[in-house]
Amino acid sequence: MDNDDALGARLDRQERPPERRPIPQRIPETRPPLLGDWFIYLSIVVLVCGVVAITALNLGQTLDAPLVRLPLLLAGGLLLVLAADATLRVWRSAWAWLPIDRGRGLFRFVWTAVLLLTLLATGVGLLFLLTA
């Protein structure tokens, strides 16, 4: 028996590793998102309001000027709604991923915590803006 035959016989007797299912890249949502396609459009409004307010502040307006206050109030209110919707979507996603890929599910819980902090910071910012 030459070396090639001995190697082939040894490899034929090795146990095959268990089949691993590929992990999906996405999980379909079972419940539709609350804002749906409006999420993107409302995010654009928040972005434009922020640009207007920051530009006005850079050009010398004060925080109580209507050109600063009105866009910030609109953006802050929309940001609260958007962050709440995103938090709910990521929370649902985390629970959907846990049985499939525990790491991805746990990472989405971290996202949920960050979004909750965003909600808190936005609320505090709006309170500051209303009392200033």
C-alpha atoms as a PDB file:
ATOM      1  CA  MET A   1       0.000   0.000   0.000  1.00  0.00           C
ATOM      2  CA  ASP A   2       1.518   3.288  -1.056  1.00  0.00           C
ATOM      3  CA  ASN A   3       1.112   6.637   0.703  1.00  0.00           C
ATOM      4  CA  ASP A   4      -1.821   7.829  -1.428  1.00  0.00           C
ATOM      5  CA  ASP A   5      -3.896   4.725  -0.652  1.00  0.00           C
ATOM      6  CA  ALA A   6      -3.182   4.973   3.084  1.00  0.00           C
ATOM      7  CA  LEU A   7      -4.174   8.638   3.127  1.00  0.00           C
ATOM      8  CA  GLY A   8      -7.365   7.946   1.167  1.00  0.00           C
ATOM      9  CA  ALA A   9      -8.371   5.134   3.510  1.00  0.00           C
ATOM     10  CA  ARG A  10      -7.768   7.303   6.521  1.00  0.00           C
ATOM     11  CA  LEU A  11      -9.838  10.166   5.108  1.00  0.00           C
ATOM     12  CA  ASP A  12     -12.704   7.852   4.120  1.00  0.00           C
ATOM     13  CA  ARG A  13     -13.133   6.763   7.717  1.00  0.00           C
ATOM     14  CA  GLN A  14     -13.313  10.259   9.183  1.00  0.00           C
ATOM     15  CA  GLU A  15     -16.688  11.401  10.375  1.00  0.00           C
ATOM     16  CA  ARG A  16     -18.299  14.196   8.404  1.00  0.00           C
ATOM     17  CA  PRO A  17     -18.922  17.435  10.262  1.00  0.00           C
ATOM     18  CA  PRO A  18     -22.584  18.174  10.937  1.00  0.00           C
ATOM     19  CA  GLU A  19     -24.369  20.158   8.255  1.00  0.00           C
ATOM     20  CA  ARG A  20     -24.676  23.833   9.134  1.00  0.00           C
ATOM     21  CA  ARG A  21     -27.588  25.840   7.883  1.00  0.00           C
ATOM     22  CA  PRO A  22     -26.647  29.183   6.399  1.00  0.00           C
ATOM     23  CA  ILE A  23     -27.705  32.132   8.542  1.00  0.00           C
ATOM     24  CA  PRO A  24     -30.136  34.375   6.663  1.00  0.00           C
ATOM     25  CA  GLN A  25     -29.187  38.000   6.060  1.00  0.00           C
ATOM     26  CA  ARG A  26     -32.696  39.310   6.732  1.00  0.00           C
ATOM     27  CA  ILE A  27     -35.818  38.228   8.565  1.00  0.00           C
ATOM     28  CA  PRO A  28     -39.119  39.440   7.142  1.00  0.00           C
ATOM     29  CA  GLU A  29     -41.231  41.587   9.437  1.00  0.00           C
ATOM     30  CA  THR A  30     -44.390  39.851  10.572  1.00  0.00           C
ATOM     31  CA  ARG A  31     -46.088  43.101  11.544  1.00  0.00           C
ATOM     32  CA  PRO A  32     -45.778  46.139   9.283  1.00  0.00           C
ATOM     33  CA  PRO A  33     -43.857  49.121  10.644  1.00  0.00           C
ATOM     34  CA  LEU A  34     -45.923  51.897  12.132  1.00  0.00           C
ATOM     35  CA  LEU A  35     -44.675  54.712   9.922  1.00  0.00           C
ATOM     36  CA  GLY A  36     -43.930  52.577   6.875  1.00  0.00           C
ATOM     37  CA  ASP A  37     -42.487  54.576   3.980  1.00  0.00           C
ATOM     38  CA  TRP A  38     -43.137  57.861   5.810  1.00  0.00           C
ATOM     39  CA  PHE A  39     -40.112  57.154   8.022  1.00  0.00           C
ATOM     40  CA  ILE A  40     -37.720  58.328   5.295  1.00  0.00           C
ATOM     41  CA  TYR A  41     -39.694  61.432   4.370  1.00  0.00           C
ATOM     42  CA  LEU A  42     -40.088  62.535   7.976  1.00  0.00           C
ATOM     43  CA  SER A  43     -36.349  61.985   8.521  1.00  0.00           C
ATOM     44  CA  ILE A  44     -35.644  64.340   5.621  1.00  0.00           C
ATOM     45  CA  VAL A  45     -37.852  66.991   7.235  1.00  0.00           C
ATOM     46  CA  VAL A  46     -35.882  66.613  10.487  1.00  0.00           C
ATOM     47  CA  LEU A  47     -32.603  66.968   8.568  1.00  0.00           C
ATOM     48  CA  VAL A  48     -33.728  70.121   6.739  1.00  0.00           C
ATOM     49  CA  CYS A  49     -35.054  71.682   9.953  1.00  0.00           C
ATOM     50  CA  GLY A  50     -31.725  70.992  11.631  1.00  0.00           C
ATOM     51  CA  VAL A  51     -29.802  72.570   8.757  1.00  0.00           C
ATOM     52  CA  VAL A  52     -32.007  75.692   8.885  1.00  0.00           C
ATOM     53  CA  ALA A  53     -31.639  76.059  12.664  1.00  0.00           C
ATOM     54  CA  ILE A  54     -27.868  75.470  12.676  1.00  0.00           C
ATOM     55  CA  THR A  55     -27.355  77.891   9.790  1.00  0.00           C
ATOM     56  CA  ALA A  56     -29.417  80.546  11.572  1.00  0.00           C
ATOM     57  CA  LEU A  57     -27.394  80.052  14.749  1.00  0.00           C
ATOM     58  CA  ASN A  58     -24.145  80.351  12.790  1.00  0.00           C
ATOM     59  CA  LEU A  59     -25.372  83.573  11.200  1.00  0.00           C
ATOM     60  CA  GLY A  60     -25.888  85.147  14.624  1.00  0.00           C
ATOM     61  CA  GLN A  61     -29.492  84.358  15.539  1.00  0.00           C
ATOM     62  CA  THR A  62     -30.228  83.571  19.177  1.00  0.00           C
ATOM     63  CA  LEU A  63     -31.921  80.458  20.495  1.00  0.00           C
ATOM     64  CA  ASP A  64     -35.175  82.326  21.092  1.00  0.00           C
ATOM     65  CA  ALA A  65     -35.372  83.648  17.509  1.00  0.00           C
ATOM     66  CA  PRO A  66     -38.317  82.191  15.552  1.00  0.00           C
ATOM     67  CA  LEU A  67     -35.981  81.127  12.723  1.00  0.00           C
ATOM     68  CA  VAL A  68     -34.209  78.854  15.201  1.00  0.00           C
ATOM     69  CA  ARG A  69     -36.987  77.893  17.603  1.00  0.00           C
ATOM     70  CA  LEU A  70     -39.680  76.833  15.093  1.00  0.00           C
ATOM     71  CA  PRO A  71     -37.514  74.426  13.061  1.00  0.00           C
ATOM     72  CA  LEU A  72     -36.091  72.958  16.271  1.00  0.00           C
ATOM     73  CA  LEU A  73     -39.544  72.379  17.744  1.00  0.00           C
ATOM     74  CA  LEU A  74     -40.753  70.751  14.520  1.00  0.00           C
ATOM     75  CA  ALA A  75     -37.604  68.625  14.196  1.00  0.00           C
ATOM     76  CA  GLY A  76     -37.669  67.647  17.874  1.00  0.00           C
ATOM     77  CA  GLY A  77     -41.291  66.548  17.767  1.00  0.00           C
ATOM     78  CA  LEU A  78     -40.738  64.523  14.611  1.00  0.00           C
ATOM     79  CA  LEU A  79     -37.541  63.049  16.019  1.00  0.00           C
ATOM     80  CA  LEU A  80     -39.450  61.795  19.063  1.00  0.00           C
ATOM     81  CA  VAL A  81     -41.945  60.029  16.797  1.00  0.00           C
ATOM     82  CA  LEU A  82     -39.208  58.633  14.536  1.00  0.00           C
ATOM     83  CA  ALA A  83     -37.064  57.400  17.422  1.00  0.00           C
ATOM     84  CA  ALA A  84     -40.080  55.733  19.061  1.00  0.00           C
ATOM     85  CA  ASP A  85     -40.940  53.962  15.793  1.00  0.00           C
ATOM     86  CA  ALA A  86     -37.326  52.895  15.259  1.00  0.00           C
ATOM     87  CA  THR A  87     -37.057  51.646  18.849  1.00  0.00           C
ATOM     88  CA  LEU A  88     -40.134  49.487  18.411  1.00  0.00           C
ATOM     89  CA  ARG A  89     -38.884  48.090  15.089  1.00  0.00           C
ATOM     90  CA  VAL A  90     -35.447  47.237  16.478  1.00  0.00           C
ATOM     91  CA  TRP A  91     -36.992  45.717  19.630  1.00  0.00           C
ATOM     92  CA  ARG A  92     -39.161  43.432  17.492  1.00  0.00           C
ATOM     93  CA  SER A  93     -36.158  42.601  15.316  1.00  0.00           C
ATOM     94  CA  ALA A  94     -34.074  41.626  18.346  1.00  0.00           C
ATOM     95  CA  TRP A  95     -36.662  39.091  19.493  1.00  0.00           C
ATOM     96  CA  ALA A  96     -37.005  37.727  15.954  1.00  0.00           C
ATOM     97  CA  TRP A  97     -33.233  37.200  15.644  1.00  0.00           C
ATOM     98  CA  LEU A  98     -32.637  35.539  19.031  1.00  0.00           C
ATOM     99  CA  PRO A  99     -33.673  31.998  17.976  1.00  0.00           C
ATOM    100  CA  ILE A 100     -31.804  32.265  14.660  1.00  0.00           C
ATOM    101  CA  ASP A 101     -28.589  34.085  15.594  1.00  0.00           C
ATOM    102  CA  ARG A 102     -28.218  34.983  19.259  1.00  0.00           C
ATOM    103  CA  GLY A 103     -25.373  37.438  18.625  1.00  0.00           C
ATOM    104  CA  ARG A 104     -27.392  39.481  16.152  1.00  0.00           C
ATOM    105  CA  GLY A 105     -30.349  39.480  18.502  1.00  0.00           C
ATOM    106  CA  LEU A 106     -28.282  40.704  21.447  1.00  0.00           C
ATOM    107  CA  PHE A 107     -26.649  43.367  19.282  1.00  0.00           C
ATOM    108  CA  ARG A 108     -30.112  44.676  18.371  1.00  0.00           C
ATOM    109  CA  PHE A 109     -30.866  45.023  22.074  1.00  0.00           C
ATOM    110  CA  VAL A 110     -27.861  47.363  22.236  1.00  0.00           C
ATOM    111  CA  TRP A 111     -29.372  49.354  19.360  1.00  0.00           C
ATOM    112  CA  THR A 112     -32.619  49.525  21.316  1.00  0.00           C
ATOM    113  CA  ALA A 113     -30.789  50.987  24.321  1.00  0.00           C
ATOM    114  CA  VAL A 114     -29.124  53.611  22.116  1.00  0.00           C
ATOM    115  CA  LEU A 115     -32.484  54.556  20.611  1.00  0.00           C
ATOM    116  CA  LEU A 116     -33.995  54.872  24.088  1.00  0.00           C
ATOM    117  CA  LEU A 117     -31.148  57.237  25.001  1.00  0.00           C
ATOM    118  CA  THR A 118     -31.922  59.203  21.824  1.00  0.00           C
ATOM    119  CA  LEU A 119     -35.544  59.492  22.932  1.00  0.00           C
ATOM    120  CA  LEU A 120     -34.457  60.698  26.353  1.00  0.00           C
ATOM    121  CA  ALA A 121     -31.955  63.233  24.970  1.00  0.00           C
ATOM    122  CA  THR A 122     -34.492  64.572  22.477  1.00  0.00           C
ATOM    123  CA  GLY A 123     -37.102  64.968  25.201  1.00  0.00           C
ATOM    124  CA  VAL A 124     -34.644  66.814  27.458  1.00  0.00           C
ATOM    125  CA  GLY A 125     -33.585  69.003  24.532  1.00  0.00           C
ATOM    126  CA  LEU A 126     -37.198  69.905  23.742  1.00  0.00           C
ATOM    127  CA  LEU A 127     -37.874  70.735  27.391  1.00  0.00           C
ATOM    128  CA  PHE A 128     -34.795  72.950  27.417  1.00  0.00           C
ATOM    129  CA  LEU A 129     -35.919  74.657  24.225  1.00  0.00           C
ATOM    130  CA  LEU A 130     -39.436  75.275  25.556  1.00  0.00           C
ATOM    131  CA  THR A 131     -38.179  76.764  28.829  1.00  0.00           C
ATOM    132  CA  ALA A 132     -35.383  78.865  27.305  1.00  0.00           C
END
